[in-house]
Amino acid sequence: SAVETLDLVKDPAARERLLAILKNDIQRLDRLVTDISNASRLDAELSREDIRAVDLGRLISEVVQLYQDTARPGDVAVSYEAPDTLEPIMVSGREGPLGQLLRNLIDNARSFSPKGGEVRVHLERGRGQAVMRVDDDGPGIPADNLETIFERFYTSRPKGAAFGGNSGLGLSIARQIVEAQGGAIRAENRQDDGGKVTGARFIVTLPEARR
């Protein structure tokens, strides 16, 4: 519609608004096509790449550092709380997909975070598993949607959020990666002492590599 209207509009301000719509829609289509492509080839990549021991703390640190190095003023901050242990937490998995898993969770958390908010990644060891948490300061997740959000093409956004910011595939891909590597992922809401929702939390558990 914007393309068809553009040639008919002479007012510079109106043309600028139409161009902004076109730019936003092109970015949304590009994101959607990229995510569909990633989802389609992921099964083949997961079966082709060998499982090995991956230092999960190192991988998280490198991914978070990349967000910090490329941050611009006003961006949602990303931080990492490393485990209180000198011994690395090694998991059995594939480093490429694990990196994509982390980026998907961080990108999702940032997209629902308010300006000036922060996404926090935490890692700890528990009962033969690595436990990773990704917390945000967003509106949280409706209780009825804590499982639905992992379905393909499902997307829910808070009132006033820009349309097209999420393709509805990021969390589905995240679960696909986690389950292919013997792990599990779930979502919950963080709450303060009064029971008010203060943000969303995604918890990933992955089996530790055998020593």
C-alpha atoms as a PDB file:
ATOM      1  CA  SER A   1       0.000   0.000   0.000  1.00  0.00           C
ATOM      2  CA  ALA A   2       2.818   2.393   0.875  1.00  0.00           C
ATOM      3  CA  VAL A   3       4.602   1.611  -2.404  1.00  0.00           C
ATOM      4  CA  GLU A   4       1.437   2.204  -4.460  1.00  0.00           C
ATOM      5  CA  THR A   5       0.728   5.471  -2.662  1.00  0.00           C
ATOM      6  CA  LEU A   6       4.247   6.902  -2.756  1.00  0.00           C
ATOM      7  CA  ASP A   7       4.120   8.149  -6.372  1.00  0.00           C
ATOM      8  CA  LEU A   8       0.827   9.924  -5.731  1.00  0.00           C
ATOM      9  CA  VAL A   9       1.959  11.851  -2.653  1.00  0.00           C
ATOM     10  CA  LYS A  10       3.627  15.220  -3.207  1.00  0.00           C
ATOM     11  CA  ASP A  11       3.835  16.515   0.363  1.00  0.00           C
ATOM     12  CA  PRO A  12       7.441  15.982   1.606  1.00  0.00           C
ATOM     13  CA  ALA A  13       6.369  15.152   5.172  1.00  0.00           C
ATOM     14  CA  ALA A  14       3.847  12.565   3.963  1.00  0.00           C
ATOM     15  CA  ARG A  15       6.455  11.018   1.658  1.00  0.00           C
ATOM     16  CA  GLU A  16       8.878  10.748   4.572  1.00  0.00           C
ATOM     17  CA  ARG A  17       6.243   8.916   6.618  1.00  0.00           C
ATOM     18  CA  LEU A  18       5.616   6.479   3.764  1.00  0.00           C
ATOM     19  CA  LEU A  19       9.347   5.894   3.328  1.00  0.00           C
ATOM     20  CA  ALA A  20       9.628   5.166   7.049  1.00  0.00           C
ATOM     21  CA  ILE A  21       6.831   2.600   6.715  1.00  0.00           C
ATOM     22  CA  LEU A  22       8.600   0.977   3.760  1.00  0.00           C
ATOM     23  CA  LYS A  23      11.910   0.826   5.639  1.00  0.00           C
ATOM     24  CA  ASN A  24      10.267  -0.740   8.695  1.00  0.00           C
ATOM     25  CA  ASP A  25       8.388  -3.331   6.629  1.00  0.00           C
ATOM     26  CA  ILE A  26      11.513  -4.290   4.670  1.00  0.00           C
ATOM     27  CA  GLN A  27      13.387  -4.839   7.933  1.00  0.00           C
ATOM     28  CA  ARG A  28      10.485  -6.909   9.279  1.00  0.00           C
ATOM     29  CA  LEU A  29      10.357  -9.069   6.128  1.00  0.00           C
ATOM     30  CA  ASP A  30      14.117  -9.528   6.189  1.00  0.00           C
ATOM     31  CA  ARG A  31      13.973 -10.630   9.837  1.00  0.00           C
ATOM     32  CA  LEU A  32      11.108 -13.022   9.136  1.00  0.00           C
ATOM     33  CA  VAL A  33      12.776 -14.614   6.102  1.00  0.00           C
ATOM     34  CA  THR A  34      16.053 -14.971   8.026  1.00  0.00           C
ATOM     35  CA  ASP A  35      14.330 -16.638  10.980  1.00  0.00           C
ATOM     36  CA  ILE A  36      12.367 -19.007   8.734  1.00  0.00           C
ATOM     37  CA  SER A  37      15.590 -19.928   6.942  1.00  0.00           C
ATOM     38  CA  ASN A  38      17.359 -20.551  10.257  1.00  0.00           C
ATOM     39  CA  ALA A  39      14.515 -22.720  11.518  1.00  0.00           C
ATOM     40  CA  SER A  40      14.427 -24.733   8.298  1.00  0.00           C
ATOM     41  CA  ARG A  41      18.108 -25.603   8.235  1.00  0.00           C
ATOM     42  CA  LEU A  42      18.593 -26.009  11.965  1.00  0.00           C
ATOM     43  CA  ASP A  43      17.700 -29.719  12.077  1.00  0.00           C
ATOM     44  CA  ALA A  44      20.294 -30.511   9.413  1.00  0.00           C
ATOM     45  CA  GLU A  45      22.962 -28.450  11.201  1.00  0.00           C
ATOM     46  CA  LEU A  46      22.239 -30.057  14.563  1.00  0.00           C
ATOM     47  CA  SER A  47      22.558 -33.552  13.134  1.00  0.00           C
ATOM     48  CA  ARG A  48      25.687 -32.726  11.140  1.00  0.00           C
ATOM     49  CA  GLU A  49      27.773 -30.950  13.776  1.00  0.00           C
ATOM     50  CA  ASP A  50      29.573 -33.152  16.312  1.00  0.00           C
ATOM     51  CA  ILE A  51      28.715 -32.924  20.003  1.00  0.00           C
ATOM     52  CA  ARG A  52      31.653 -31.920  22.167  1.00  0.00           C
ATOM     53  CA  ALA A  53      32.437 -30.335  25.512  1.00  0.00           C
ATOM     54  CA  VAL A  54      31.750 -26.593  25.433  1.00  0.00           C
ATOM     55  CA  ASP A  55      32.828 -24.128  28.114  1.00  0.00           C
ATOM     56  CA  LEU A  56      29.421 -22.482  28.568  1.00  0.00           C
ATOM     57  CA  GLY A  57      30.739 -19.668  30.771  1.00  0.00           C
ATOM     58  CA  ARG A  58      33.299 -18.666  28.164  1.00  0.00           C
ATOM     59  CA  LEU A  59      30.696 -18.747  25.402  1.00  0.00           C
ATOM     60  CA  ILE A  60      28.263 -16.585  27.389  1.00  0.00           C
ATOM     61  CA  SER A  61      31.030 -14.125  28.234  1.00  0.00           C
ATOM     62  CA  GLU A  62      32.017 -13.755  24.570  1.00  0.00           C
ATOM     63  CA  VAL A  63      28.426 -13.263  23.363  1.00  0.00           C
ATOM     64  CA  VAL A  64      27.609 -10.722  26.094  1.00  0.00           C
ATOM     65  CA  GLN A  65      30.851  -8.851  25.421  1.00  0.00           C
ATOM     66  CA  LEU A  66      29.836  -8.501  21.778  1.00  0.00           C
ATOM     67  CA  TYR A  67      26.563  -6.841  22.811  1.00  0.00           C
ATOM     68  CA  GLN A  68      28.467  -4.537  25.144  1.00  0.00           C
ATOM     69  CA  ASP A  69      31.039  -3.602  22.512  1.00  0.00           C
ATOM     70  CA  THR A  70      28.385  -2.726  19.925  1.00  0.00           C
ATOM     71  CA  ALA A  71      25.964  -0.966  22.289  1.00  0.00           C
ATOM     72  CA  ARG A  72      24.735   2.494  21.358  1.00  0.00           C
ATOM     73  CA  PRO A  73      23.319   5.185  23.642  1.00  0.00           C
ATOM     74  CA  GLY A  74      19.814   4.208  24.734  1.00  0.00           C
ATOM     75  CA  ASP A  75      20.249   0.502  24.003  1.00  0.00           C
ATOM     76  CA  VAL A  76      19.065  -2.016  26.597  1.00  0.00           C
ATOM     77  CA  ALA A  77      22.171  -3.097  28.521  1.00  0.00           C
ATOM     78  CA  VAL A  78      23.306  -6.735  28.656  1.00  0.00           C
ATOM     79  CA  SER A  79      25.338  -8.099  31.580  1.00  0.00           C
ATOM     80  CA  TYR A  80      26.669 -11.476  32.691  1.00  0.00           C
ATOM     81  CA  GLU A  81      26.932 -12.794  36.229  1.00  0.00           C
ATOM     82  CA  ALA A  82      29.606 -15.475  36.081  1.00  0.00           C
ATOM     83  CA  PRO A  83      29.417 -18.503  38.408  1.00  0.00           C
ATOM     84  CA  ASP A  84      31.278 -18.297  41.698  1.00  0.00           C
ATOM     85  CA  THR A  85      33.690 -21.071  40.800  1.00  0.00           C
ATOM     86  CA  LEU A  86      37.092 -21.308  39.159  1.00  0.00           C
ATOM     87  CA  GLU A  87      36.185 -24.630  37.557  1.00  0.00           C
ATOM     88  CA  PRO A  88      34.572 -24.095  34.137  1.00  0.00           C
ATOM     89  CA  ILE A  89      31.045 -25.357  33.567  1.00  0.00           C
ATOM     90  CA  MET A  90      31.308 -27.645  30.567  1.00  0.00           C
ATOM     91  CA  VAL A  91      28.259 -28.877  28.674  1.00  0.00           C
ATOM     92  CA  SER A  92      27.841 -31.502  25.991  1.00  0.00           C
ATOM     93  CA  GLY A  93      26.633 -29.683  22.922  1.00  0.00           C
ATOM     94  CA  ARG A  94      27.388 -27.777  19.753  1.00  0.00           C
ATOM     95  CA  GLU A  95      28.941 -24.336  20.141  1.00  0.00           C
ATOM     96  CA  GLY A  96      27.350 -22.704  17.076  1.00  0.00           C
ATOM     97  CA  PRO A  97      23.731 -23.509  17.985  1.00  0.00           C
ATOM     98  CA  LEU A  98      24.414 -22.742  21.666  1.00  0.00           C
ATOM     99  CA  GLY A  99      25.570 -19.274  20.665  1.00  0.00           C
ATOM    100  CA  GLN A 100      22.429 -18.821  18.593  1.00  0.00           C
ATOM    101  CA  LEU A 101      20.313 -19.980  21.551  1.00  0.00           C
ATOM    102  CA  LEU A 102      21.848 -17.314  23.775  1.00  0.00           C
ATOM    103  CA  ARG A 103      21.484 -14.560  21.165  1.00  0.00           C
ATOM    104  CA  ASN A 104      17.825 -15.470  20.594  1.00  0.00           C
ATOM    105  CA  LEU A 105      17.073 -15.259  24.314  1.00  0.00           C
ATOM    106  CA  ILE A 106      18.943 -11.974  24.733  1.00  0.00           C
ATOM    107  CA  ASP A 107      17.340 -10.415  21.638  1.00  0.00           C
ATOM    108  CA  ASN A 108      13.893 -11.488  22.816  1.00  0.00           C
ATOM    109  CA  ALA A 109      14.512 -10.050  26.281  1.00  0.00           C
ATOM    110  CA  ARG A 110      15.810  -6.771  24.870  1.00  0.00           C
ATOM    111  CA  SER A 111      12.825  -6.398  22.543  1.00  0.00           C
ATOM    112  CA  PHE A 112      10.434  -6.415  25.519  1.00  0.00           C
ATOM    113  CA  SER A 113      12.616  -4.360  27.867  1.00  0.00           C
ATOM    114  CA  PRO A 114      11.909  -0.690  28.576  1.00  0.00           C
ATOM    115  CA  LYS A 115      14.363   2.024  27.634  1.00  0.00           C
ATOM    116  CA  GLY A 116      17.118   2.044  30.225  1.00  0.00           C
ATOM    117  CA  GLY A 117      16.369  -1.555  31.171  1.00  0.00           C
ATOM    118  CA  GLU A 118      18.882  -4.360  31.477  1.00  0.00           C
ATOM    119  CA  VAL A 119      19.073  -7.986  30.400  1.00  0.00           C
ATOM    120  CA  ARG A 120      21.015 -10.124  32.862  1.00  0.00           C
ATOM    121  CA  VAL A 121      22.497 -13.552  32.093  1.00  0.00           C
ATOM    122  CA  HIS A 122      23.323 -15.812  35.032  1.00  0.00           C
ATOM    123  CA  LEU A 123      25.047 -19.213  35.054  1.00  0.00           C
ATOM    124  CA  GLU A 124      25.370 -21.805  37.800  1.00  0.00           C
ATOM    125  CA  ARG A 125      25.919 -25.531  38.275  1.00  0.00           C
ATOM    126  CA  GLY A 126      23.222 -27.766  39.705  1.00  0.00           C
ATOM    127  CA  ARG A 127      22.932 -31.564  40.034  1.00  0.00           C
ATOM    128  CA  GLY A 128      24.956 -32.513  36.989  1.00  0.00           C
ATOM    129  CA  GLN A 129      23.481 -29.735  34.893  1.00  0.00           C
ATOM    130  CA  ALA A 130      24.387 -26.246  33.793  1.00  0.00           C
ATOM    131  CA  VAL A 131      21.596 -23.805  34.638  1.00  0.00           C
ATOM    132  CA  MET A 132      21.455 -20.554  32.660  1.00  0.00           C
ATOM    133  CA  ARG A 133      18.972 -17.764  33.349  1.00  0.00           C
ATOM    134  CA  VAL A 134      18.121 -14.762  31.192  1.00  0.00           C
ATOM    135  CA  ASP A 135      16.205 -12.041  33.062  1.00  0.00           C
ATOM    136  CA  ASP A 136      14.671  -8.831  31.741  1.00  0.00           C
ATOM    137  CA  ASP A 137      12.846  -5.799  33.140  1.00  0.00           C
ATOM    138  CA  GLY A 138       9.893  -6.036  30.744  1.00  0.00           C
ATOM    139  CA  PRO A 139       6.152  -6.505  31.350  1.00  0.00           C
ATOM    140  CA  GLY A 140       6.454 -10.237  31.936  1.00  0.00           C
ATOM    141  CA  ILE A 141       4.499 -13.031  30.259  1.00  0.00           C
ATOM    142  CA  PRO A 142       0.762 -13.694  30.664  1.00  0.00           C
ATOM    143  CA  ALA A 143       0.343 -16.813  32.795  1.00  0.00           C
ATOM    144  CA  ASP A 144      -1.617 -18.569  30.037  1.00  0.00           C
ATOM    145  CA  ASN A 145       1.217 -18.008  27.564  1.00  0.00           C
ATOM    146  CA  LEU A 146       4.220 -19.351  29.487  1.00  0.00           C
ATOM    147  CA  GLU A 147       4.197 -22.425  27.230  1.00  0.00           C
ATOM    148  CA  THR A 148       2.552 -20.959  24.133  1.00  0.00           C
ATOM    149  CA  ILE A 149       5.428 -18.535  23.562  1.00  0.00           C
ATOM    150  CA  PHE A 150       7.613 -21.422  22.400  1.00  0.00           C
ATOM    151  CA  GLU A 151       5.283 -22.265  19.509  1.00  0.00           C
ATOM    152  CA  ARG A 152       6.296 -21.210  16.009  1.00  0.00           C
ATOM    153  CA  PHE A 153       5.014 -17.841  14.821  1.00  0.00           C
ATOM    154  CA  TYR A 154       3.489 -17.015  18.189  1.00  0.00           C
ATOM    155  CA  THR A 155       4.239 -13.461  19.236  1.00  0.00           C
ATOM    156  CA  SER A 156       2.784 -11.316  21.964  1.00  0.00           C
ATOM    157  CA  ARG A 157       3.833  -7.736  22.585  1.00  0.00           C
ATOM    158  CA  PRO A 158       2.931  -5.210  25.259  1.00  0.00           C
ATOM    159  CA  LYS A 159       0.503  -2.405  24.498  1.00  0.00           C
ATOM    160  CA  GLY A 160       2.238   0.349  22.547  1.00  0.00           C
ATOM    161  CA  ALA A 161       5.110  -1.818  21.284  1.00  0.00           C
ATOM    162  CA  ALA A 162       6.031  -1.494  17.616  1.00  0.00           C
ATOM    163  CA  PHE A 163       4.498  -4.086  15.302  1.00  0.00           C
ATOM    164  CA  GLY A 164       6.927  -6.483  13.638  1.00  0.00           C
ATOM    165  CA  GLY A 165       9.601  -6.410  16.320  1.00  0.00           C
ATOM    166  CA  ASN A 166       9.348 -10.180  16.738  1.00  0.00           C
ATOM    167  CA  SER A 167       8.987 -12.854  14.076  1.00  0.00           C
ATOM    168  CA  GLY A 168       7.510 -15.434  16.440  1.00  0.00           C
ATOM    169  CA  LEU A 169      10.333 -17.882  15.681  1.00  0.00           C
ATOM    170  CA  GLY A 170      13.136 -16.922  18.064  1.00  0.00           C
ATOM    171  CA  LEU A 171      11.877 -18.811  21.115  1.00  0.00           C
ATOM    172  CA  SER A 172      10.754 -21.779  19.016  1.00  0.00           C
ATOM    173  CA  ILE A 173      14.285 -22.034  17.612  1.00  0.00           C
ATOM    174  CA  ALA A 174      15.700 -21.690  21.128  1.00  0.00           C
ATOM    175  CA  ARG A 175      13.669 -24.672  22.352  1.00  0.00           C
ATOM    176  CA  GLN A 176      14.624 -26.673  19.257  1.00  0.00           C
ATOM    177  CA  ILE A 177      18.318 -26.105  20.006  1.00  0.00           C
ATOM    178  CA  VAL A 178      18.016 -26.901  23.708  1.00  0.00           C
ATOM    179  CA  GLU A 179      16.037 -30.114  23.258  1.00  0.00           C
ATOM    180  CA  ALA A 180      18.336 -31.347  20.470  1.00  0.00           C
ATOM    181  CA  GLN A 181      21.184 -31.178  22.977  1.00  0.00           C
ATOM    182  CA  GLY A 182      19.395 -33.015  25.768  1.00  0.00           C
ATOM    183  CA  GLY A 183      18.306 -29.971  27.720  1.00  0.00           C
ATOM    184  CA  ALA A 184      15.117 -28.154  28.657  1.00  0.00           C
ATOM    185  CA  ILE A 185      13.875 -24.566  28.607  1.00  0.00           C
ATOM    186  CA  ARG A 186      11.011 -22.896  30.429  1.00  0.00           C
ATOM    187  CA  ALA A 187       9.721 -19.417  31.124  1.00  0.00           C
ATOM    188  CA  GLU A 188       8.441 -17.764  34.275  1.00  0.00           C
ATOM    189  CA  ASN A 189       7.758 -14.298  35.638  1.00  0.00           C
ATOM    190  CA  ARG A 190       9.917 -12.567  38.217  1.00  0.00           C
ATOM    191  CA  GLN A 191       8.018 -10.931  41.073  1.00  0.00           C
ATOM    192  CA  ASP A 192       8.848  -8.522  43.860  1.00  0.00           C
ATOM    193  CA  ASP A 193       7.947  -9.085  47.528  1.00  0.00           C
ATOM    194  CA  GLY A 194       4.462  -7.737  46.903  1.00  0.00           C
ATOM    195  CA  GLY A 195       3.769 -10.161  44.055  1.00  0.00           C
ATOM    196  CA  LYS A 196       4.094  -7.543  41.303  1.00  0.00           C
ATOM    197  CA  VAL A 197       5.635  -8.836  38.061  1.00  0.00           C
ATOM    198  CA  THR A 198       9.010  -7.189  37.484  1.00  0.00           C
ATOM    199  CA  GLY A 199      10.055  -8.986  34.312  1.00  0.00           C
ATOM    200  CA  ALA A 200      10.385 -12.307  32.530  1.00  0.00           C
ATOM    201  CA  ARG A 201      12.882 -15.083  33.161  1.00  0.00           C
ATOM    202  CA  PHE A 202      13.975 -17.867  30.819  1.00  0.00           C
ATOM    203  CA  ILE A 203      15.696 -20.862  32.405  1.00  0.00           C
ATOM    204  CA  VAL A 204      17.789 -23.272  30.353  1.00  0.00           C
ATOM    205  CA  THR A 205      19.218 -26.513  31.732  1.00  0.00           C
ATOM    206  CA  LEU A 206      21.833 -28.459  29.794  1.00  0.00           C
ATOM    207  CA  PRO A 207      23.636 -31.685  30.752  1.00  0.00           C
ATOM    208  CA  GLU A 208      27.184 -31.198  31.957  1.00  0.00           C
ATOM    209  CA  ALA A 209      29.892 -32.864  29.897  1.00  0.00           C
ATOM    210  CA  ARG A 210      31.177 -36.110  31.326  1.00  0.00           C
ATOM    211  CA  ARG A 211      34.574 -35.837  32.889  1.00  0.00           C
END
